[in-house]
Amino acid sequence: MANIMTIVPEQVRGIRKFFFRFVRGQYGGVVPGVFQVLAVDLRVARAAGALYNHLHLRKTSSLSRLQREMLATVVNGKVGGAP
């Protein structure tokens, strides 16, 4: 199994500290694992966030609600998430 670099929220400094503070505010005080992975490279985190917002959060999303749920289910299975 491959190692995936992550950043532990309690050990961050600098600009990542603001990133994690923002994420905690958005997710009720917790930092989901995907953000711990994305925080390794903030340029990738910004691009991934823009893609997520474009596909999921805009009013005229090109995906239906059912398609978003199906996408979330597939991704969750691929990353070994909870059943």
PDB file of N, CA and C in Angstrom:
ATOM      1  N   MET A   1       0.843  -1.176   0.000  1.00  0.00           N
ATOM      2  CA  MET A   1       0.000   0.000   0.000  1.00  0.00           C
ATOM      3  C   MET A   1       0.890   1.240   0.000  1.00  0.00           C
ATOM      4  N   ALA A   2       0.531   2.218  -0.790  1.00  0.00           N
ATOM      5  CA  ALA A   2       1.336   3.431  -0.915  1.00  0.00           C
ATOM      6  C   ALA A   2       1.112   4.363   0.269  1.00  0.00           C
ATOM      7  N   ASN A   3       2.173   5.060   0.628  1.00  0.00           N
ATOM      8  CA  ASN A   3       2.042   6.091   1.647  1.00  0.00           C
ATOM      9  C   ASN A   3       1.525   7.364   1.007  1.00  0.00           C
ATOM     10  N   ILE A   4       0.590   8.002   1.666  1.00  0.00           N
ATOM     11  CA  ILE A   4       0.065   9.276   1.207  1.00  0.00           C
ATOM     12  C   ILE A   4       0.451  10.318   2.243  1.00  0.00           C
ATOM     13  N   MET A   5       1.166  11.338   1.791  1.00  0.00           N
ATOM     14  CA  MET A   5       1.593  12.384   2.713  1.00  0.00           C
ATOM     15  C   MET A   5       0.386  13.153   3.216  1.00  0.00           C
ATOM     16  N   THR A   6       0.363  13.401   4.519  1.00  0.00           N
ATOM     17  CA  THR A   6      -0.687  14.219   5.125  1.00  0.00           C
ATOM     18  C   THR A   6      -0.030  15.197   6.095  1.00  0.00           C
ATOM     19  N   ILE A   7      -0.782  16.185   6.479  1.00  0.00           N
ATOM     20  CA  ILE A   7      -0.327  17.145   7.475  1.00  0.00           C
ATOM     21  C   ILE A   7      -1.286  17.076   8.649  1.00  0.00           C
ATOM     22  N   VAL A   8      -0.750  16.888   9.831  1.00  0.00           N
ATOM     23  CA  VAL A   8      -1.564  16.818  11.041  1.00  0.00           C
ATOM     24  C   VAL A   8      -1.961  18.244  11.440  1.00  0.00           C
ATOM     25  N   PRO A   9      -3.254  18.503  11.614  1.00  0.00           N
ATOM     26  CA  PRO A   9      -3.708  19.873  11.903  1.00  0.00           C
ATOM     27  C   PRO A   9      -3.069  20.498  13.147  1.00  0.00           C
ATOM     28  N   GLU A  10      -2.746  19.713  14.135  1.00  0.00           N
ATOM     29  CA  GLU A  10      -2.185  20.255  15.369  1.00  0.00           C
ATOM     30  C   GLU A  10      -0.738  20.709  15.204  1.00  0.00           C
ATOM     31  N   GLN A  11      -0.073  20.320  14.116  1.00  0.00           N
ATOM     32  CA  GLN A  11       1.337  20.637  13.927  1.00  0.00           C
ATOM     33  C   GLN A  11       1.587  21.643  12.810  1.00  0.00           C
ATOM     34  N   VAL A  12       0.560  22.318  12.330  1.00  0.00           N
ATOM     35  CA  VAL A  12       0.744  23.235  11.209  1.00  0.00           C
ATOM     36  C   VAL A  12       1.236  24.590  11.684  1.00  0.00           C
ATOM     37  N   ARG A  13       1.940  25.263  10.777  1.00  0.00           N
ATOM     38  CA  ARG A  13       2.401  26.628  11.013  1.00  0.00           C
ATOM     39  C   ARG A  13       2.227  27.422   9.726  1.00  0.00           C
ATOM     40  N   GLY A  14       2.331  28.715   9.840  1.00  0.00           N
ATOM     41  CA  GLY A  14       2.302  29.567   8.664  1.00  0.00           C
ATOM     42  C   GLY A  14       0.935  29.623   8.008  1.00  0.00           C
ATOM     43  N   ILE A  15       0.949  29.686   6.683  1.00  0.00           N
ATOM     44  CA  ILE A  15      -0.281  29.856   5.906  1.00  0.00           C
ATOM     45  C   ILE A  15      -1.214  28.659   6.058  1.00  0.00           C
ATOM     46  N   ARG A  16      -0.662  27.477   6.279  1.00  0.00           N
ATOM     47  CA  ARG A  16      -1.508  26.288   6.448  1.00  0.00           C
ATOM     48  C   ARG A  16      -2.375  26.386   7.699  1.00  0.00           C
ATOM     49  N   LYS A  17      -1.895  27.123   8.700  1.00  0.00           N
ATOM     50  CA  LYS A  17      -2.682  27.318   9.916  1.00  0.00           C
ATOM     51  C   LYS A  17      -3.987  28.045   9.582  1.00  0.00           C
ATOM     52  N   PHE A  18      -3.930  29.053   8.708  1.00  0.00           N
ATOM     53  CA  PHE A  18      -5.137  29.750   8.278  1.00  0.00           C
ATOM     54  C   PHE A  18      -6.032  28.835   7.448  1.00  0.00           C
ATOM     55  N   PHE A  19      -5.420  28.003   6.610  1.00  0.00           N
ATOM     56  CA  PHE A  19      -6.167  27.037   5.798  1.00  0.00           C
ATOM     57  C   PHE A  19      -6.973  26.103   6.703  1.00  0.00           C
ATOM     58  N   PHE A  20      -6.309  25.547   7.719  1.00  0.00           N
ATOM     59  CA  PHE A  20      -7.000  24.616   8.610  1.00  0.00           C
ATOM     60  C   PHE A  20      -8.041  25.335   9.464  1.00  0.00           C
ATOM     61  N   ARG A  21      -7.794  26.571   9.839  1.00  0.00           N
ATOM     62  CA  ARG A  21      -8.785  27.322  10.609  1.00  0.00           C
ATOM     63  C   ARG A  21     -10.047  27.529   9.763  1.00  0.00           C
ATOM     64  N   PHE A  22      -9.861  27.859   8.491  1.00  0.00           N
ATOM     65  CA  PHE A  22     -10.998  28.026   7.584  1.00  0.00           C
ATOM     66  C   PHE A  22     -11.768  26.711   7.429  1.00  0.00           C
ATOM     67  N   VAL A  23     -11.027  25.608   7.232  1.00  0.00           N
ATOM     68  CA  VAL A  23     -11.678  24.294   7.050  1.00  0.00           C
ATOM     69  C   VAL A  23     -12.430  23.895   8.304  1.00  0.00           C
ATOM     70  N   ARG A  24     -11.837  24.110   9.465  1.00  0.00           N
ATOM     71  CA  ARG A  24     -12.532  23.784  10.717  1.00  0.00           C
ATOM     72  C   ARG A  24     -13.833  24.568  10.844  1.00  0.00           C
ATOM     73  N   GLY A  25     -13.804  25.823  10.454  1.00  0.00           N
ATOM     74  CA  GLY A  25     -15.018  26.647  10.502  1.00  0.00           C
ATOM     75  C   GLY A  25     -16.096  26.132   9.571  1.00  0.00           C
ATOM     76  N   GLN A  26     -15.693  25.604   8.418  1.00  0.00           N
ATOM     77  CA  GLN A  26     -16.646  25.085   7.441  1.00  0.00           C
ATOM     78  C   GLN A  26     -17.221  23.733   7.846  1.00  0.00           C
ATOM     79  N   TYR A  27     -16.443  22.941   8.588  1.00  0.00           N
ATOM     80  CA  TYR A  27     -16.843  21.561   8.888  1.00  0.00           C
ATOM     81  C   TYR A  27     -17.081  21.314  10.374  1.00  0.00           C
ATOM     82  N   GLY A  28     -17.464  22.318  11.106  1.00  0.00           N
ATOM     83  CA  GLY A  28     -17.868  22.130  12.496  1.00  0.00           C
ATOM     84  C   GLY A  28     -16.755  21.730  13.439  1.00  0.00           C
ATOM     85  N   GLY A  29     -15.557  22.248  13.233  1.00  0.00           N
ATOM     86  CA  GLY A  29     -14.457  22.008  14.166  1.00  0.00           C
ATOM     87  C   GLY A  29     -13.568  20.828  13.842  1.00  0.00           C
ATOM     88  N   VAL A  30     -13.847  20.098  12.784  1.00  0.00           N
ATOM     89  CA  VAL A  30     -12.996  18.966  12.396  1.00  0.00           C
ATOM     90  C   VAL A  30     -12.350  19.244  11.042  1.00  0.00           C
ATOM     91  N   VAL A  31     -11.254  18.556  10.788  1.00  0.00           N
ATOM     92  CA  VAL A  31     -10.571  18.675   9.503  1.00  0.00           C
ATOM     93  C   VAL A  31     -10.649  17.323   8.812  1.00  0.00           C
ATOM     94  N   PRO A  32     -11.493  17.189   7.774  1.00  0.00           N
ATOM     95  CA  PRO A  32     -11.593  15.919   7.056  1.00  0.00           C
ATOM     96  C   PRO A  32     -10.245  15.501   6.467  1.00  0.00           C
ATOM     97  N   GLY A  33     -10.068  14.205   6.317  1.00  0.00           N
ATOM     98  CA  GLY A  33      -8.810  13.656   5.823  1.00  0.00           C
ATOM     99  C   GLY A  33      -8.393  14.192   4.463  1.00  0.00           C
ATOM    100  N   VAL A  34      -9.352  14.466   3.584  1.00  0.00           N
ATOM    101  CA  VAL A  34      -8.996  14.960   2.259  1.00  0.00           C
ATOM    102  C   VAL A  34      -8.279  16.298   2.365  1.00  0.00           C
ATOM    103  N   PHE A  35      -8.646  17.119   3.328  1.00  0.00           N
ATOM    104  CA  PHE A  35      -7.973  18.401   3.496  1.00  0.00           C
ATOM    105  C   PHE A  35      -6.575  18.227   4.084  1.00  0.00           C
ATOM    106  N   GLN A  36      -6.386  17.185   4.879  1.00  0.00           N
ATOM    107  CA  GLN A  36      -5.047  16.911   5.396  1.00  0.00           C
ATOM    108  C   GLN A  36      -4.118  16.473   4.270  1.00  0.00           C
ATOM    109  N   VAL A  37      -4.652  15.793   3.276  1.00  0.00           N
ATOM    110  CA  VAL A  37      -3.869  15.392   2.107  1.00  0.00           C
ATOM    111  C   VAL A  37      -3.619  16.598   1.208  1.00  0.00           C
ATOM    112  N   LEU A  38      -4.649  17.391   0.956  1.00  0.00           N
ATOM    113  CA  LEU A  38      -4.521  18.545   0.070  1.00  0.00           C
ATOM    114  C   LEU A  38      -3.606  19.623   0.645  1.00  0.00           C
ATOM    115  N   ALA A  39      -3.503  19.719   1.959  1.00  0.00           N
ATOM    116  CA  ALA A  39      -2.683  20.761   2.583  1.00  0.00           C
ATOM    117  C   ALA A  39      -1.196  20.578   2.307  1.00  0.00           C
ATOM    118  N   VAL A  40      -0.791  19.408   1.842  1.00  0.00           N
ATOM    119  CA  VAL A  40       0.622  19.190   1.504  1.00  0.00           C
ATOM    120  C   VAL A  40       1.038  20.151   0.392  1.00  0.00           C
ATOM    121  N   ASP A  41       0.188  20.368  -0.585  1.00  0.00           N
ATOM    122  CA  ASP A  41       0.468  21.299  -1.683  1.00  0.00           C
ATOM    123  C   ASP A  41      -0.742  22.210  -1.837  1.00  0.00           C
ATOM    124  N   LEU A  42      -0.613  23.436  -1.378  1.00  0.00           N
ATOM    125  CA  LEU A  42      -1.754  24.351  -1.366  1.00  0.00           C
ATOM    126  C   LEU A  42      -2.196  24.778  -2.760  1.00  0.00           C
ATOM    127  N   ARG A  43      -1.305  24.706  -3.751  1.00  0.00           N
ATOM    128  CA  ARG A  43      -1.730  25.004  -5.123  1.00  0.00           C
ATOM    129  C   ARG A  43      -2.704  23.941  -5.614  1.00  0.00           C
ATOM    130  N   VAL A  44      -2.433  22.701  -5.279  1.00  0.00           N
ATOM    131  CA  VAL A  44      -3.349  21.610  -5.637  1.00  0.00           C
ATOM    132  C   VAL A  44      -4.648  21.749  -4.853  1.00  0.00           C
ATOM    133  N   ALA A  45      -4.548  22.143  -3.589  1.00  0.00           N
ATOM    134  CA  ALA A  45      -5.742  22.323  -2.760  1.00  0.00           C
ATOM    135  C   ALA A  45      -6.649  23.394  -3.354  1.00  0.00           C
ATOM    136  N   ARG A  46      -6.067  24.466  -3.839  1.00  0.00           N
ATOM    137  CA  ARG A  46      -6.867  25.543  -4.434  1.00  0.00           C
ATOM    138  C   ARG A  46      -7.565  25.062  -5.704  1.00  0.00           C
ATOM    139  N   ALA A  47      -6.832  24.334  -6.534  1.00  0.00           N
ATOM    140  CA  ALA A  47      -7.433  23.819  -7.773  1.00  0.00           C
ATOM    141  C   ALA A  47      -8.526  22.794  -7.477  1.00  0.00           C
ATOM    142  N   ALA A  48      -8.279  21.909  -6.525  1.00  0.00           N
ATOM    143  CA  ALA A  48      -9.283  20.904  -6.162  1.00  0.00           C
ATOM    144  C   ALA A  48     -10.520  21.570  -5.569  1.00  0.00           C
ATOM    145  N   GLY A  49     -10.318  22.600  -4.766  1.00  0.00           N
ATOM    146  CA  GLY A  49     -11.442  23.331  -4.190  1.00  0.00           C
ATOM    147  C   GLY A  49     -12.265  24.027  -5.258  1.00  0.00           C
ATOM    148  N   ALA A  50     -11.585  24.616  -6.236  1.00  0.00           N
ATOM    149  CA  ALA A  50     -12.297  25.283  -7.330  1.00  0.00           C
ATOM    150  C   ALA A  50     -13.113  24.276  -8.136  1.00  0.00           C
ATOM    151  N   LEU A  51     -12.543  23.104  -8.405  1.00  0.00           N
ATOM    152  CA  LEU A  51     -13.263  22.068  -9.137  1.00  0.00           C
ATOM    153  C   LEU A  51     -14.479  21.584  -8.342  1.00  0.00           C
ATOM    154  N   TYR A  52     -14.291  21.357  -7.047  1.00  0.00           N
ATOM    155  CA  TYR A  52     -15.394  20.922  -6.193  1.00  0.00           C
ATOM    156  C   TYR A  52     -16.513  21.966  -6.194  1.00  0.00           C
ATOM    157  N   ASN A  53     -16.145  23.223  -6.005  1.00  0.00           N
ATOM    158  CA  ASN A  53     -17.153  24.290  -6.000  1.00  0.00           C
ATOM    159  C   ASN A  53     -17.872  24.373  -7.341  1.00  0.00           C
ATOM    160  N   HIS A  54     -17.138  24.217  -8.422  1.00  0.00           N
ATOM    161  CA  HIS A  54     -17.744  24.299  -9.759  1.00  0.00           C
ATOM    162  C   HIS A  54     -18.739  23.164  -9.989  1.00  0.00           C
ATOM    163  N   LEU A  55     -18.376  21.961  -9.587  1.00  0.00           N
ATOM    164  CA  LEU A  55     -19.238  20.812  -9.853  1.00  0.00           C
ATOM    165  C   LEU A  55     -20.375  20.659  -8.851  1.00  0.00           C
ATOM    166  N   HIS A  56     -20.138  21.033  -7.607  1.00  0.00           N
ATOM    167  CA  HIS A  56     -21.100  20.694  -6.567  1.00  0.00           C
ATOM    168  C   HIS A  56     -21.860  21.871  -5.965  1.00  0.00           C
ATOM    169  N   LEU A  57     -21.267  23.023  -5.873  1.00  0.00           N
ATOM    170  CA  LEU A  57     -21.882  24.070  -5.070  1.00  0.00           C
ATOM    171  C   LEU A  57     -22.541  25.199  -5.845  1.00  0.00           C
ATOM    172  N   ARG A  58     -22.302  25.316  -7.124  1.00  0.00           N
ATOM    173  CA  ARG A  58     -22.928  26.412  -7.847  1.00  0.00           C
ATOM    174  C   ARG A  58     -24.382  26.056  -8.172  1.00  0.00           C
ATOM    175  N   LYS A  59     -25.198  27.075  -8.307  1.00  0.00           N
ATOM    176  CA  LYS A  59     -26.635  26.861  -8.531  1.00  0.00           C
ATOM    177  C   LYS A  59     -26.917  26.151  -9.844  1.00  0.00           C
ATOM    178  N   THR A  60     -26.130  26.423 -10.866  1.00  0.00           N
ATOM    179  CA  THR A  60     -26.344  25.801 -12.176  1.00  0.00           C
ATOM    180  C   THR A  60     -25.348  24.662 -12.397  1.00  0.00           C
ATOM    181  N   SER A  61     -25.168  23.833 -11.398  1.00  0.00           N
ATOM    182  CA  SER A  61     -24.234  22.719 -11.501  1.00  0.00           C
ATOM    183  C   SER A  61     -24.597  21.821 -12.679  1.00  0.00           C
ATOM    184  N   SER A  62     -23.574  21.347 -13.364  1.00  0.00           N
ATOM    185  CA  SER A  62     -23.819  20.460 -14.499  1.00  0.00           C
ATOM    186  C   SER A  62     -24.206  19.051 -14.048  1.00  0.00           C
ATOM    187  N   LEU A  63     -24.085  18.778 -12.765  1.00  0.00           N
ATOM    188  CA  LEU A  63     -24.465  17.475 -12.224  1.00  0.00           C
ATOM    189  C   LEU A  63     -25.773  17.584 -11.459  1.00  0.00           C
ATOM    190  N   SER A  64     -26.625  16.588 -11.607  1.00  0.00           N
ATOM    191  CA  SER A  64     -27.855  16.553 -10.813  1.00  0.00           C
ATOM    192  C   SER A  64     -27.508  16.116  -9.390  1.00  0.00           C
ATOM    193  N   ARG A  65     -28.467  16.250  -8.498  1.00  0.00           N
ATOM    194  CA  ARG A  65     -28.225  15.828  -7.115  1.00  0.00           C
ATOM    195  C   ARG A  65     -27.909  14.336  -7.052  1.00  0.00           C
ATOM    196  N   LEU A  66     -28.612  13.540  -7.841  1.00  0.00           N
ATOM    197  CA  LEU A  66     -28.367  12.099  -7.883  1.00  0.00           C
ATOM    198  C   LEU A  66     -26.949  11.811  -8.393  1.00  0.00           C
ATOM    199  N   GLN A  67     -26.530  12.513  -9.431  1.00  0.00           N
ATOM    200  CA  GLN A  67     -25.183  12.310  -9.967  1.00  0.00           C
ATOM    201  C   GLN A  67     -24.115  12.688  -8.940  1.00  0.00           C
ATOM    202  N   ARG A  68     -24.345  13.758  -8.181  1.00  0.00           N
ATOM    203  CA  ARG A  68     -23.383  14.143  -7.136  1.00  0.00           C
ATOM    204  C   ARG A  68     -23.294  13.074  -6.069  1.00  0.00           C
ATOM    205  N   GLU A  69     -24.428  12.515  -5.680  1.00  0.00           N
ATOM    206  CA  GLU A  69     -24.433  11.444  -4.676  1.00  0.00           C
ATOM    207  C   GLU A  69     -23.726  10.200  -5.201  1.00  0.00           C
ATOM    208  N   MET A  70     -23.944   9.862  -6.464  1.00  0.00           N
ATOM    209  CA  MET A  70     -23.279   8.700  -7.055  1.00  0.00           C
ATOM    210  C   MET A  70     -21.778   8.923  -7.124  1.00  0.00           C
ATOM    211  N   LEU A  71     -21.362  10.115  -7.490  1.00  0.00           N
ATOM    212  CA  LEU A  71     -19.944  10.447  -7.545  1.00  0.00           C
ATOM    213  C   LEU A  71     -19.316  10.344  -6.161  1.00  0.00           C
ATOM    214  N   ALA A  72     -19.994  10.864  -5.159  1.00  0.00           N
ATOM    215  CA  ALA A  72     -19.486  10.790  -3.788  1.00  0.00           C
ATOM    216  C   ALA A  72     -19.361   9.340  -3.330  1.00  0.00           C
ATOM    217  N   THR A  73     -20.313   8.499  -3.688  1.00  0.00           N
ATOM    218  CA  THR A  73     -20.269   7.087  -3.304  1.00  0.00           C
ATOM    219  C   THR A  73     -19.084   6.377  -3.946  1.00  0.00           C
ATOM    220  N   VAL A  74     -18.859   6.629  -5.216  1.00  0.00           N
ATOM    221  CA  VAL A  74     -17.745   5.988  -5.921  1.00  0.00           C
ATOM    222  C   VAL A  74     -16.410   6.443  -5.343  1.00  0.00           C
ATOM    223  N   VAL A  75     -16.258   7.738  -5.152  1.00  0.00           N
ATOM    224  CA  VAL A  75     -14.997   8.263  -4.603  1.00  0.00           C
ATOM    225  C   VAL A  75     -14.760   7.712  -3.214  1.00  0.00           C
ATOM    226  N   ASN A  76     -15.799   7.680  -2.387  1.00  0.00           N
ATOM    227  CA  ASN A  76     -15.664   7.147  -1.033  1.00  0.00           C
ATOM    228  C   ASN A  76     -15.192   5.699  -1.062  1.00  0.00           C
ATOM    229  N   GLY A  77     -15.722   4.919  -1.978  1.00  0.00           N
ATOM    230  CA  GLY A  77     -15.283   3.524  -2.106  1.00  0.00           C
ATOM    231  C   GLY A  77     -13.854   3.402  -2.585  1.00  0.00           C
ATOM    232  N   LYS A  78     -13.454   4.269  -3.518  1.00  0.00           N
ATOM    233  CA  LYS A  78     -12.091   4.225  -4.051  1.00  0.00           C
ATOM    234  C   LYS A  78     -11.036   4.584  -3.007  1.00  0.00           C
ATOM    235  N   VAL A  79     -11.372   5.507  -2.103  1.00  0.00           N
ATOM    236  CA  VAL A  79     -10.395   5.919  -1.101  1.00  0.00           C
ATOM    237  C   VAL A  79     -10.501   5.089   0.183  1.00  0.00           C
ATOM    238  N   GLY A  80     -11.357   4.084   0.169  1.00  0.00           N
ATOM    239  CA  GLY A  80     -11.471   3.201   1.337  1.00  0.00           C
ATOM    240  C   GLY A  80     -12.210   3.846   2.486  1.00  0.00           C
ATOM    241  N   GLY A  81     -13.206   4.665   2.177  1.00  0.00           N
ATOM    242  CA  GLY A  81     -13.979   5.344   3.195  1.00  0.00           C
ATOM    243  C   GLY A  81     -14.945   4.400   3.895  1.00  0.00           C
ATOM    244  N   ALA A  82     -15.648   4.942   4.862  1.00  0.00           N
ATOM    245  CA  ALA A  82     -16.611   4.153   5.621  1.00  0.00           C
ATOM    246  C   ALA A  82     -17.747   3.692   4.723  1.00  0.00           C
ATOM    247  N   PRO A  83     -18.271   2.500   4.975  1.00  0.00           N
ATOM    248  CA  PRO A  83     -19.379   1.985   4.148  1.00  0.00           C
ATOM    249  C   PRO A  83     -20.676   2.729   4.377  1.00  0.00           C
TER     250      PRO A  83
END
